[in-house]
Amino acid sequence: MTSAPLAERLSIPSGPLFFPVTAYGPDGRLDLDTYRTHVRRGIEAGAAAVFACCGTGEFHALTPEEFQDCVRAAAETADGRVPVVAGAGYGTALAVRYARLAADAGADGLLAMPPYLVVAGQEGLLRHYREVAAATALPVIVYQRDNAVLTPRTAVELARTDGVIGLKDGLGDLDLMQRIVSAVRTEAPGDFLYFNGLPTAEQTQLAYRGLGITLYSSAVFCFAPEIALAFHTALREGDDTTAHRLLDGFYRPFVELRAQGKGYAVSLVKAGVRLRGLDVGAVRPPLHEPAEDHVKQLAQLIEHGYALLGQDPREGARA
């Protein structure tokens, strides 16, 4: 797979970008059968792409062998219907190893996550991502957040790098993103892709749309695909009335609930998948499970979200 086909497939997605959770059994080991079911249901529900073993998929908690097994399962389940992008991270040597494992497992691309722990300068970040991009033929999307924040100049250099096709922003600095978009457009014109990668990206997507950034990750799609798809459709069609109704009645309360606990951007999503009838297990340490009362609030919020669409949440859930 060359970078051009993946970039073309992602540029105008038919549905949300799906970041599946990773399923574990009662013994804490990978449950690949349940994981395949989760991925298959997401694709059938309208996902435009599967981003396997990324943040929502607990990349940090997987061994290299588990990572490769999950990526292979996602690629086999997708079977070419939608592209599969795999996470790759840690220091440069390990990120390169994960990139190669993903390529061997059948991934179509990579999401290069921030390097582990260190706060590197721009020269080091640029070298890191270039080495990851050079390690395989897989196209790379760079994930900006936390300790990996790019200047517009570095973004331009990445846009000129063979194999780097886009930038996912998990920082939320709109001024910086506007300057990055402007600099790349001016100095490295082409089809460079941008993604809103903030947690519950729907909450900020109207603002990102103002910058011309239409791609975004959707963790809500894991457990409420109909809600996520309705919001995605509303944005695509310019239906701000529906978008605002879902923002006010579902997404804002969900973000406020998510803020009640550390790690809830993953563990609350995983609880939502279990509430919808698929037992994907608990999160692995150092994450922890949401409080029981918070799970009850999530169940009520999911029900209300579907009511906003005039749907019964039980109609979409499958055991």
C-alpha atoms as a PDB file:
ATOM      1  CA  MET A   1       0.000   0.000   0.000  1.00  0.00           C
ATOM      2  CA  THR A   2       1.492   3.326  -1.042  1.00  0.00           C
ATOM      3  CA  SER A   3       0.810   6.536   0.822  1.00  0.00           C
ATOM      4  CA  ALA A   4      -1.376   7.992  -1.924  1.00  0.00           C
ATOM      5  CA  PRO A   5      -4.202   5.417  -1.734  1.00  0.00           C
ATOM      6  CA  LEU A   6      -4.431   5.690   2.064  1.00  0.00           C
ATOM      7  CA  ALA A   7      -4.439   9.490   1.930  1.00  0.00           C
ATOM      8  CA  GLU A   8      -7.146   9.396  -0.712  1.00  0.00           C
ATOM      9  CA  ARG A   9      -9.259   6.956   1.313  1.00  0.00           C
ATOM     10  CA  LEU A  10      -8.982   9.096   4.443  1.00  0.00           C
ATOM     11  CA  SER A  11      -9.385  12.513   2.826  1.00  0.00           C
ATOM     12  CA  ILE A  12     -13.162  12.423   2.469  1.00  0.00           C
ATOM     13  CA  PRO A  13     -14.387   9.747   4.890  1.00  0.00           C
ATOM     14  CA  SER A  14     -17.836   8.255   4.495  1.00  0.00           C
ATOM     15  CA  GLY A  15     -18.181   7.911   8.258  1.00  0.00           C
ATOM     16  CA  PRO A  16     -16.384   8.419  11.576  1.00  0.00           C
ATOM     17  CA  LEU A  17     -12.833   7.242  12.162  1.00  0.00           C
ATOM     18  CA  PHE A  18     -13.119   4.257  14.510  1.00  0.00           C
ATOM     19  CA  PHE A  19     -10.650   3.739  17.370  1.00  0.00           C
ATOM     20  CA  PRO A  20     -11.658   0.350  18.818  1.00  0.00           C
ATOM     21  CA  VAL A  21     -10.947  -0.643  22.386  1.00  0.00           C
ATOM     22  CA  THR A  22      -8.829  -3.736  22.962  1.00  0.00           C
ATOM     23  CA  ALA A  23     -10.745  -6.702  24.367  1.00  0.00           C
ATOM     24  CA  TYR A  24      -9.483  -8.775  27.291  1.00  0.00           C
ATOM     25  CA  GLY A  25     -10.947 -11.933  28.773  1.00  0.00           C
ATOM     26  CA  PRO A  26     -11.645 -12.651  32.456  1.00  0.00           C
ATOM     27  CA  ASP A  27      -8.032 -13.799  32.848  1.00  0.00           C
ATOM     28  CA  GLY A  28      -6.762 -10.467  31.550  1.00  0.00           C
ATOM     29  CA  ARG A  29      -5.395 -11.920  28.329  1.00  0.00           C
ATOM     30  CA  LEU A  30      -6.300 -10.755  24.844  1.00  0.00           C
ATOM     31  CA  ASP A  31      -9.717 -11.865  23.659  1.00  0.00           C
ATOM     32  CA  LEU A  32      -9.211 -11.741  19.914  1.00  0.00           C
ATOM     33  CA  ASP A  33     -12.609 -13.215  19.066  1.00  0.00           C
ATOM     34  CA  THR A  34     -14.377 -10.411  20.923  1.00  0.00           C
ATOM     35  CA  TYR A  35     -11.968  -7.883  19.434  1.00  0.00           C
ATOM     36  CA  ARG A  36     -12.818  -9.090  15.922  1.00  0.00           C
ATOM     37  CA  THR A  37     -16.511  -8.767  16.738  1.00  0.00           C
ATOM     38  CA  HIS A  38     -15.983  -5.213  17.972  1.00  0.00           C
ATOM     39  CA  VAL A  39     -14.051  -4.248  14.839  1.00  0.00           C
ATOM     40  CA  ARG A  40     -16.546  -5.963  12.515  1.00  0.00           C
ATOM     41  CA  ARG A  41     -19.506  -4.212  14.126  1.00  0.00           C
ATOM     42  CA  GLY A  42     -17.784  -0.860  13.797  1.00  0.00           C
ATOM     43  CA  ILE A  43     -17.125  -1.401  10.112  1.00  0.00           C
ATOM     44  CA  GLU A  44     -20.683  -2.575   9.514  1.00  0.00           C
ATOM     45  CA  ALA A  45     -21.988   0.469  11.405  1.00  0.00           C
ATOM     46  CA  GLY A  46     -20.259   2.802   8.946  1.00  0.00           C
ATOM     47  CA  ALA A  47     -16.685   3.430  10.104  1.00  0.00           C
ATOM     48  CA  ALA A  48     -14.489   4.929   7.385  1.00  0.00           C
ATOM     49  CA  ALA A  49     -11.264   3.551   8.902  1.00  0.00           C
ATOM     50  CA  VAL A  50     -10.068   1.470  11.838  1.00  0.00           C
ATOM     51  CA  PHE A  51      -7.265   2.873  14.011  1.00  0.00           C
ATOM     52  CA  ALA A  52      -6.114  -0.219  15.892  1.00  0.00           C
ATOM     53  CA  CYS A  53      -4.039  -0.263  19.078  1.00  0.00           C
ATOM     54  CA  CYS A  54      -3.907   3.497  19.490  1.00  0.00           C
ATOM     55  CA  GLY A  55      -4.795   5.512  22.600  1.00  0.00           C
ATOM     56  CA  THR A  56      -8.324   4.173  23.046  1.00  0.00           C
ATOM     57  CA  GLY A  57      -6.970   0.711  22.258  1.00  0.00           C
ATOM     58  CA  GLU A  58      -4.489   0.855  25.175  1.00  0.00           C
ATOM     59  CA  PHE A  59      -1.344   0.761  23.039  1.00  0.00           C
ATOM     60  CA  HIS A  60       0.672   1.466  26.187  1.00  0.00           C
ATOM     61  CA  ALA A  61      -0.574  -1.736  27.837  1.00  0.00           C
ATOM     62  CA  LEU A  62       0.153  -4.186  25.013  1.00  0.00           C
ATOM     63  CA  THR A  63       3.246  -6.305  24.513  1.00  0.00           C
ATOM     64  CA  PRO A  64       4.721  -6.242  21.000  1.00  0.00           C
ATOM     65  CA  GLU A  65       3.300  -9.712  20.396  1.00  0.00           C
ATOM     66  CA  GLU A  66      -0.167  -8.686  21.547  1.00  0.00           C
ATOM     67  CA  PHE A  67       0.032  -5.555  19.446  1.00  0.00           C
ATOM     68  CA  GLN A  68       0.812  -7.523  16.309  1.00  0.00           C
ATOM     69  CA  ASP A  69      -1.957 -10.034  17.025  1.00  0.00           C
ATOM     70  CA  CYS A  70      -4.504  -7.227  17.394  1.00  0.00           C
ATOM     71  CA  VAL A  71      -3.384  -5.400  14.267  1.00  0.00           C
ATOM     72  CA  ARG A  72      -3.508  -8.642  12.284  1.00  0.00           C
ATOM     73  CA  ALA A  73      -6.994  -9.381  13.624  1.00  0.00           C
ATOM     74  CA  ALA A  74      -8.180  -5.894  12.659  1.00  0.00           C
ATOM     75  CA  ALA A  75      -6.669  -6.152   9.161  1.00  0.00           C
ATOM     76  CA  GLU A  76      -8.161  -9.592   8.582  1.00  0.00           C
ATOM     77  CA  THR A  77     -11.551  -8.426   9.814  1.00  0.00           C
ATOM     78  CA  ALA A  78     -11.491  -5.304   7.669  1.00  0.00           C
ATOM     79  CA  ASP A  79     -10.407  -7.396   4.656  1.00  0.00           C
ATOM     80  CA  GLY A  80      -9.799  -4.273   2.596  1.00  0.00           C
ATOM     81  CA  ARG A  81     -13.250  -2.775   3.160  1.00  0.00           C
ATOM     82  CA  VAL A  82     -11.733   0.108   5.122  1.00  0.00           C
ATOM     83  CA  PRO A  83      -8.083   0.974   5.852  1.00  0.00           C
ATOM     84  CA  VAL A  84      -6.477  -0.131   9.105  1.00  0.00           C
ATOM     85  CA  VAL A  85      -4.022   2.265  10.755  1.00  0.00           C
ATOM     86  CA  ALA A  86      -1.940   1.003  13.685  1.00  0.00           C
ATOM     87  CA  GLY A  87      -0.299   2.900  16.523  1.00  0.00           C
ATOM     88  CA  ALA A  88       3.483   3.098  16.876  1.00  0.00           C
ATOM     89  CA  GLY A  89       5.283   4.757  19.749  1.00  0.00           C
ATOM     90  CA  TYR A  90       7.871   4.891  22.551  1.00  0.00           C
ATOM     91  CA  GLY A  91      11.498   5.722  21.672  1.00  0.00           C
ATOM     92  CA  THR A  92      12.688   5.634  18.079  1.00  0.00           C
ATOM     93  CA  ALA A  93      14.023   2.062  18.126  1.00  0.00           C
ATOM     94  CA  LEU A  94      10.801   0.663  19.583  1.00  0.00           C
ATOM     95  CA  ALA A  95       8.599   2.846  17.373  1.00  0.00           C
ATOM     96  CA  VAL A  96      10.436   1.442  14.347  1.00  0.00           C
ATOM     97  CA  ARG A  97       9.922  -2.084  15.680  1.00  0.00           C
ATOM     98  CA  TYR A  98       6.192  -1.495  16.149  1.00  0.00           C
ATOM     99  CA  ALA A  99       5.999   0.006  12.657  1.00  0.00           C
ATOM    100  CA  ARG A 100       7.512  -3.146  11.187  1.00  0.00           C
ATOM    101  CA  LEU A 101       5.270  -5.397  13.254  1.00  0.00           C
ATOM    102  CA  ALA A 102       2.264  -3.452  11.969  1.00  0.00           C
ATOM    103  CA  ALA A 103       3.453  -3.753   8.379  1.00  0.00           C
ATOM    104  CA  ASP A 104       3.933  -7.507   8.751  1.00  0.00           C
ATOM    105  CA  ALA A 105       0.442  -7.763  10.281  1.00  0.00           C
ATOM    106  CA  GLY A 106      -1.206  -6.160   7.262  1.00  0.00           C
ATOM    107  CA  ALA A 107      -1.789  -2.571   8.413  1.00  0.00           C
ATOM    108  CA  ASP A 108      -2.356   0.131   5.803  1.00  0.00           C
ATOM    109  CA  GLY A 109      -0.731   2.952   7.765  1.00  0.00           C
ATOM    110  CA  LEU A 110       0.697   4.148  11.076  1.00  0.00           C
ATOM    111  CA  LEU A 111      -0.269   6.678  13.729  1.00  0.00           C
ATOM    112  CA  ALA A 112       3.063   7.804  15.202  1.00  0.00           C
ATOM    113  CA  MET A 113       2.372   8.638  18.826  1.00  0.00           C
ATOM    114  CA  PRO A 114       4.547  10.883  21.022  1.00  0.00           C
ATOM    115  CA  PRO A 115       7.922   9.484  22.096  1.00  0.00           C
ATOM    116  CA  TYR A 116       8.056   8.041  25.586  1.00  0.00           C
ATOM    117  CA  LEU A 117       8.691  10.406  28.522  1.00  0.00           C
ATOM    118  CA  VAL A 118      11.296  12.786  27.100  1.00  0.00           C
ATOM    119  CA  VAL A 119      10.586  16.350  26.028  1.00  0.00           C
ATOM    120  CA  ALA A 120      12.594  16.588  22.824  1.00  0.00           C
ATOM    121  CA  GLY A 121      13.545  19.596  20.725  1.00  0.00           C
ATOM    122  CA  GLN A 122      12.238  20.110  17.228  1.00  0.00           C
ATOM    123  CA  GLU A 123      15.349  18.673  15.579  1.00  0.00           C
ATOM    124  CA  GLY A 124      15.004  15.455  17.584  1.00  0.00           C
ATOM    125  CA  LEU A 125      11.278  15.126  16.914  1.00  0.00           C
ATOM    126  CA  LEU A 126      11.817  15.592  13.198  1.00  0.00           C
ATOM    127  CA  ARG A 127      14.534  12.934  13.126  1.00  0.00           C
ATOM    128  CA  HIS A 128      12.366  10.561  15.167  1.00  0.00           C
ATOM    129  CA  TYR A 129       9.373  10.769  12.840  1.00  0.00           C
ATOM    130  CA  ARG A 130      11.546  10.570   9.739  1.00  0.00           C
ATOM    131  CA  GLU A 131      13.130   7.361  10.998  1.00  0.00           C
ATOM    132  CA  VAL A 132       9.702   5.883  11.702  1.00  0.00           C
ATOM    133  CA  ALA A 133       8.528   6.890   8.232  1.00  0.00           C
ATOM    134  CA  ALA A 134      11.619   5.371   6.616  1.00  0.00           C
ATOM    135  CA  ALA A 135      11.273   2.063   8.475  1.00  0.00           C
ATOM    136  CA  THR A 136       8.452   0.699   6.305  1.00  0.00           C
ATOM    137  CA  ALA A 137       6.438   1.526   3.218  1.00  0.00           C
ATOM    138  CA  LEU A 138       3.449   2.383   5.410  1.00  0.00           C
ATOM    139  CA  PRO A 139       2.263   6.020   5.305  1.00  0.00           C
ATOM    140  CA  VAL A 140       2.533   7.821   8.638  1.00  0.00           C
ATOM    141  CA  ILE A 141       0.247  10.244  10.482  1.00  0.00           C
ATOM    142  CA  VAL A 142       2.074  12.139  13.248  1.00  0.00           C
ATOM    143  CA  TYR A 143       0.165  12.572  16.515  1.00  0.00           C
ATOM    144  CA  GLN A 144       0.854  15.956  18.153  1.00  0.00           C
ATOM    145  CA  ARG A 145       0.130  16.156  21.886  1.00  0.00           C
ATOM    146  CA  ASP A 146       1.722  16.318  25.344  1.00  0.00           C
ATOM    147  CA  ASN A 147       5.518  16.161  24.880  1.00  0.00           C
ATOM    148  CA  ALA A 148       5.428  16.206  21.056  1.00  0.00           C
ATOM    149  CA  VAL A 149       4.362  19.703  20.002  1.00  0.00           C
ATOM    150  CA  LEU A 150       5.506  20.905  16.600  1.00  0.00           C
ATOM    151  CA  THR A 151       6.349  24.349  15.342  1.00  0.00           C
ATOM    152  CA  PRO A 152       4.986  25.384  11.941  1.00  0.00           C
ATOM    153  CA  ARG A 153       8.517  25.007  10.524  1.00  0.00           C
ATOM    154  CA  THR A 154       8.782  21.411  11.744  1.00  0.00           C
ATOM    155  CA  ALA A 155       5.321  20.653  10.369  1.00  0.00           C
ATOM    156  CA  VAL A 156       6.462  21.948   6.973  1.00  0.00           C
ATOM    157  CA  GLU A 157       9.512  19.685   7.094  1.00  0.00           C
ATOM    158  CA  LEU A 158       7.332  16.710   7.997  1.00  0.00           C
ATOM    159  CA  ALA A 159       4.960  17.511   5.145  1.00  0.00           C
ATOM    160  CA  ARG A 160       7.988  17.355   2.830  1.00  0.00           C
ATOM    161  CA  THR A 161       9.056  13.976   4.253  1.00  0.00           C
ATOM    162  CA  ASP A 162       8.389  10.899   2.138  1.00  0.00           C
ATOM    163  CA  GLY A 163       5.780   8.728   3.762  1.00  0.00           C
ATOM    164  CA  VAL A 164       4.353  11.333   6.166  1.00  0.00           C
ATOM    165  CA  ILE A 165       0.811  12.120   5.040  1.00  0.00           C
ATOM    166  CA  GLY A 166      -0.773  13.985   7.916  1.00  0.00           C
ATOM    167  CA  LEU A 167      -0.888  15.458  11.399  1.00  0.00           C
ATOM    168  CA  LYS A 168      -3.323  14.552  14.145  1.00  0.00           C
ATOM    169  CA  ASP A 169      -3.703  17.268  16.779  1.00  0.00           C
ATOM    170  CA  GLY A 170      -4.361  16.276  20.367  1.00  0.00           C
ATOM    171  CA  LEU A 171      -3.174  19.562  21.842  1.00  0.00           C
ATOM    172  CA  GLY A 172      -6.088  21.873  21.076  1.00  0.00           C
ATOM    173  CA  ASP A 173      -4.116  25.060  20.458  1.00  0.00           C
ATOM    174  CA  LEU A 174      -6.141  26.492  17.574  1.00  0.00           C
ATOM    175  CA  ASP A 175      -3.786  29.407  17.043  1.00  0.00           C
ATOM    176  CA  LEU A 176      -0.878  26.995  16.575  1.00  0.00           C
ATOM    177  CA  MET A 177      -2.936  24.774  14.280  1.00  0.00           C
ATOM    178  CA  GLN A 178      -3.931  27.752  12.120  1.00  0.00           C
ATOM    179  CA  ARG A 179      -0.280  28.715  11.777  1.00  0.00           C
ATOM    180  CA  ILE A 180       0.692  25.124  10.938  1.00  0.00           C
ATOM    181  CA  VAL A 181      -2.033  24.810   8.305  1.00  0.00           C
ATOM    182  CA  SER A 182      -1.054  28.159   6.800  1.00  0.00           C
ATOM    183  CA  ALA A 183       2.670  27.382   6.760  1.00  0.00           C
ATOM    184  CA  VAL A 184       2.217  23.956   5.155  1.00  0.00           C
ATOM    185  CA  ARG A 185      -0.234  25.342   2.611  1.00  0.00           C
ATOM    186  CA  THR A 186       2.249  28.051   1.682  1.00  0.00           C
ATOM    187  CA  GLU A 187       5.560  26.193   1.809  1.00  0.00           C
ATOM    188  CA  ALA A 188       4.678  22.554   1.146  1.00  0.00           C
ATOM    189  CA  PRO A 189       1.468  22.639  -0.883  1.00  0.00           C
ATOM    190  CA  GLY A 190      -0.202  19.302  -1.453  1.00  0.00           C
ATOM    191  CA  ASP A 191      -2.725  16.974   0.084  1.00  0.00           C
ATOM    192  CA  PHE A 192      -1.407  16.928   3.657  1.00  0.00           C
ATOM    193  CA  LEU A 193      -4.125  15.686   6.016  1.00  0.00           C
ATOM    194  CA  TYR A 194      -5.128  17.128   9.389  1.00  0.00           C
ATOM    195  CA  PHE A 195      -7.100  15.411  12.140  1.00  0.00           C
ATOM    196  CA  ASN A 196      -8.745  16.644  15.320  1.00  0.00           C
ATOM    197  CA  GLY A 197      -7.464  14.139  17.856  1.00  0.00           C
ATOM    198  CA  LEU A 198      -8.693  15.657  21.102  1.00  0.00           C
ATOM    199  CA  PRO A 199     -10.582  13.328  23.466  1.00  0.00           C
ATOM    200  CA  THR A 200     -14.245  13.292  22.409  1.00  0.00           C
ATOM    201  CA  ALA A 201     -13.269  15.283  19.339  1.00  0.00           C
ATOM    202  CA  GLU A 202     -16.880  15.985  18.428  1.00  0.00           C
ATOM    203  CA  GLN A 203     -16.962  18.533  21.261  1.00  0.00           C
ATOM    204  CA  THR A 204     -14.439  20.743  19.457  1.00  0.00           C
ATOM    205  CA  GLN A 205     -15.031  19.775  15.842  1.00  0.00           C
ATOM    206  CA  LEU A 206     -17.093  22.816  14.943  1.00  0.00           C
ATOM    207  CA  ALA A 207     -14.085  24.956  15.879  1.00  0.00           C
ATOM    208  CA  TYR A 208     -11.681  22.725  13.932  1.00  0.00           C
ATOM    209  CA  ARG A 209     -14.015  22.838  10.946  1.00  0.00           C
ATOM    210  CA  GLY A 210     -13.430  26.594  10.930  1.00  0.00           C
ATOM    211  CA  LEU A 211      -9.743  25.870  10.257  1.00  0.00           C
ATOM    212  CA  GLY A 212     -10.678  23.588   7.387  1.00  0.00           C
ATOM    213  CA  ILE A 213      -9.967  20.425   9.443  1.00  0.00           C
ATOM    214  CA  THR A 214     -12.790  17.972   8.761  1.00  0.00           C
ATOM    215  CA  LEU A 215     -11.224  14.695   9.940  1.00  0.00           C
ATOM    216  CA  TYR A 216     -11.546  13.658  13.572  1.00  0.00           C
ATOM    217  CA  SER A 217     -11.311  10.606  15.805  1.00  0.00           C
ATOM    218  CA  SER A 218     -14.457   9.304  17.469  1.00  0.00           C
ATOM    219  CA  ALA A 219     -14.225   7.269  20.662  1.00  0.00           C
ATOM    220  CA  VAL A 220     -18.014   7.556  21.080  1.00  0.00           C
ATOM    221  CA  PHE A 221     -18.365   5.480  17.911  1.00  0.00           C
ATOM    222  CA  CYS A 222     -17.082   2.508  19.968  1.00  0.00           C
ATOM    223  CA  PHE A 223     -20.256   2.329  22.037  1.00  0.00           C
ATOM    224  CA  ALA A 224     -22.823   4.575  20.342  1.00  0.00           C
ATOM    225  CA  PRO A 225     -22.127   4.384  16.604  1.00  0.00           C
ATOM    226  CA  GLU A 226     -25.537   5.713  15.608  1.00  0.00           C
ATOM    227  CA  ILE A 227     -24.988   8.890  17.647  1.00  0.00           C
ATOM    228  CA  ALA A 228     -21.470   9.355  16.262  1.00  0.00           C
ATOM    229  CA  LEU A 229     -22.653   8.740  12.710  1.00  0.00           C
ATOM    230  CA  ALA A 230     -25.557  11.185  13.081  1.00  0.00           C
ATOM    231  CA  PHE A 231     -23.164  13.871  14.301  1.00  0.00           C
ATOM    232  CA  HIS A 232     -20.707  13.134  11.487  1.00  0.00           C
ATOM    233  CA  THR A 233     -23.513  13.369   8.918  1.00  0.00           C
ATOM    234  CA  ALA A 234     -24.748  16.632  10.414  1.00  0.00           C
ATOM    235  CA  LEU A 235     -21.279  18.162  10.086  1.00  0.00           C
ATOM    236  CA  ARG A 236     -20.866  16.943   6.527  1.00  0.00           C
ATOM    237  CA  GLU A 237     -24.251  18.319   5.480  1.00  0.00           C
ATOM    238  CA  GLY A 238     -23.959  21.597   7.396  1.00  0.00           C
ATOM    239  CA  ASP A 239     -26.867  20.650   9.661  1.00  0.00           C
ATOM    240  CA  ASP A 240     -25.832  22.721  12.668  1.00  0.00           C
ATOM    241  CA  THR A 241     -29.234  22.261  14.304  1.00  0.00           C
ATOM    242  CA  THR A 242     -28.668  18.531  14.697  1.00  0.00           C
ATOM    243  CA  ALA A 243     -25.015  19.048  15.607  1.00  0.00           C
ATOM    244  CA  HIS A 244     -25.935  21.512  18.358  1.00  0.00           C
ATOM    245  CA  ARG A 245     -28.709  19.255  19.678  1.00  0.00           C
ATOM    246  CA  LEU A 246     -26.243  16.375  20.053  1.00  0.00           C
ATOM    247  CA  LEU A 247     -23.540  18.629  21.486  1.00  0.00           C
ATOM    248  CA  ASP A 248     -25.868  20.118  24.088  1.00  0.00           C
ATOM    249  CA  GLY A 249     -27.739  16.939  24.983  1.00  0.00           C
ATOM    250  CA  PHE A 250     -25.083  14.258  24.693  1.00  0.00           C
ATOM    251  CA  TYR A 251     -21.490  15.291  23.975  1.00  0.00           C
ATOM    252  CA  ARG A 252     -21.121  18.096  26.522  1.00  0.00           C
ATOM    253  CA  PRO A 253     -22.567  15.971  29.365  1.00  0.00           C
ATOM    254  CA  PHE A 254     -20.357  13.080  28.265  1.00  0.00           C
ATOM    255  CA  VAL A 255     -17.243  15.282  28.344  1.00  0.00           C
ATOM    256  CA  GLU A 256     -18.203  16.515  31.805  1.00  0.00           C
ATOM    257  CA  LEU A 257     -18.666  12.916  32.982  1.00  0.00           C
ATOM    258  CA  ARG A 258     -15.371  11.894  31.391  1.00  0.00           C
ATOM    259  CA  ALA A 259     -13.639  14.652  33.377  1.00  0.00           C
ATOM    260  CA  GLN A 260     -14.705  13.015  36.659  1.00  0.00           C
ATOM    261  CA  GLY A 261     -11.882  10.481  36.583  1.00  0.00           C
ATOM    262  CA  LYS A 262      -8.299  10.087  35.398  1.00  0.00           C
ATOM    263  CA  GLY A 263      -8.051   7.801  32.389  1.00  0.00           C
ATOM    264  CA  TYR A 264     -11.783   7.959  31.697  1.00  0.00           C
ATOM    265  CA  ALA A 265     -11.058   8.814  28.053  1.00  0.00           C
ATOM    266  CA  VAL A 266     -10.349   5.077  27.776  1.00  0.00           C
ATOM    267  CA  SER A 267     -12.012   3.333  30.722  1.00  0.00           C
ATOM    268  CA  LEU A 268     -15.364   5.117  30.373  1.00  0.00           C
ATOM    269  CA  VAL A 269     -15.435   4.286  26.663  1.00  0.00           C
ATOM    270  CA  LYS A 270     -14.734   0.654  27.451  1.00  0.00           C
ATOM    271  CA  ALA A 271     -17.531   0.698  30.031  1.00  0.00           C
ATOM    272  CA  GLY A 272     -19.817   2.056  27.326  1.00  0.00           C
ATOM    273  CA  VAL A 273     -18.984  -0.865  25.032  1.00  0.00           C
ATOM    274  CA  ARG A 274     -19.858  -3.308  27.830  1.00  0.00           C
ATOM    275  CA  LEU A 275     -23.112  -1.449  28.503  1.00  0.00           C
ATOM    276  CA  ARG A 276     -24.072  -1.994  24.855  1.00  0.00           C
ATOM    277  CA  GLY A 277     -23.733  -5.772  25.257  1.00  0.00           C
ATOM    278  CA  LEU A 278     -20.174  -6.667  24.237  1.00  0.00           C
ATOM    279  CA  ASP A 279     -17.928  -7.795  27.094  1.00  0.00           C
ATOM    280  CA  VAL A 280     -14.534  -6.363  26.165  1.00  0.00           C
ATOM    281  CA  GLY A 281     -13.217  -6.724  29.705  1.00  0.00           C
ATOM    282  CA  ALA A 282     -11.686  -4.145  32.001  1.00  0.00           C
ATOM    283  CA  VAL A 283      -8.800  -1.779  31.340  1.00  0.00           C
ATOM    284  CA  ARG A 284      -5.299  -2.825  32.287  1.00  0.00           C
ATOM    285  CA  PRO A 285      -3.229  -0.997  34.917  1.00  0.00           C
ATOM    286  CA  PRO A 286      -2.223   1.727  35.397  1.00  0.00           C
ATOM    287  CA  LEU A 287      -5.740   2.695  34.211  1.00  0.00           C
ATOM    288  CA  HIS A 288      -8.646   1.829  36.486  1.00  0.00           C
ATOM    289  CA  GLU A 289     -12.329   1.163  36.063  1.00  0.00           C
ATOM    290  CA  PRO A 290     -14.883   4.005  36.395  1.00  0.00           C
ATOM    291  CA  ALA A 291     -16.849   4.359  39.602  1.00  0.00           C
ATOM    292  CA  GLU A 292     -20.143   2.469  39.651  1.00  0.00           C
ATOM    293  CA  ASP A 293     -22.161   5.689  39.855  1.00  0.00           C
ATOM    294  CA  HIS A 294     -20.351   7.078  36.833  1.00  0.00           C
ATOM    295  CA  VAL A 295     -21.201   3.954  34.834  1.00  0.00           C
ATOM    296  CA  LYS A 296     -24.854   4.396  35.797  1.00  0.00           C
ATOM    297  CA  GLN A 297     -24.713   8.005  34.631  1.00  0.00           C
ATOM    298  CA  LEU A 298     -23.163   6.850  31.373  1.00  0.00           C
ATOM    299  CA  ALA A 299     -25.977   4.361  30.825  1.00  0.00           C
ATOM    300  CA  GLN A 300     -28.545   7.115  31.326  1.00  0.00           C
ATOM    301  CA  LEU A 301     -26.639   9.436  29.000  1.00  0.00           C
ATOM    302  CA  ILE A 302     -26.478   6.811  26.254  1.00  0.00           C
ATOM    303  CA  GLU A 303     -30.225   6.298  26.538  1.00  0.00           C
ATOM    304  CA  HIS A 304     -30.791  10.053  26.329  1.00  0.00           C
ATOM    305  CA  GLY A 305     -28.472  10.346  23.340  1.00  0.00           C
ATOM    306  CA  TYR A 306     -30.462   7.796  21.396  1.00  0.00           C
ATOM    307  CA  ALA A 307     -33.688   9.504  22.432  1.00  0.00           C
ATOM    308  CA  LEU A 308     -32.361  12.679  20.795  1.00  0.00           C
ATOM    309  CA  LEU A 309     -32.236  10.666  17.563  1.00  0.00           C
ATOM    310  CA  GLY A 310     -35.679   9.187  18.132  1.00  0.00           C
ATOM    311  CA  GLN A 311     -34.123   5.727  18.545  1.00  0.00           C
ATOM    312  CA  ASP A 312     -34.158   2.998  21.145  1.00  0.00           C
ATOM    313  CA  PRO A 313     -30.563   2.156  22.184  1.00  0.00           C
ATOM    314  CA  ARG A 314     -31.549  -1.513  22.500  1.00  0.00           C
ATOM    315  CA  GLU A 315     -32.164  -1.668  18.767  1.00  0.00           C
ATOM    316  CA  GLY A 316     -28.516  -0.948  18.001  1.00  0.00           C
ATOM    317  CA  ALA A 317     -26.954  -3.106  20.711  1.00  0.00           C
ATOM    318  CA  ARG A 318     -26.165  -6.721  19.906  1.00  0.00           C
ATOM    319  CA  ALA A 319     -24.997  -9.424  22.259  1.00  0.00           C
END
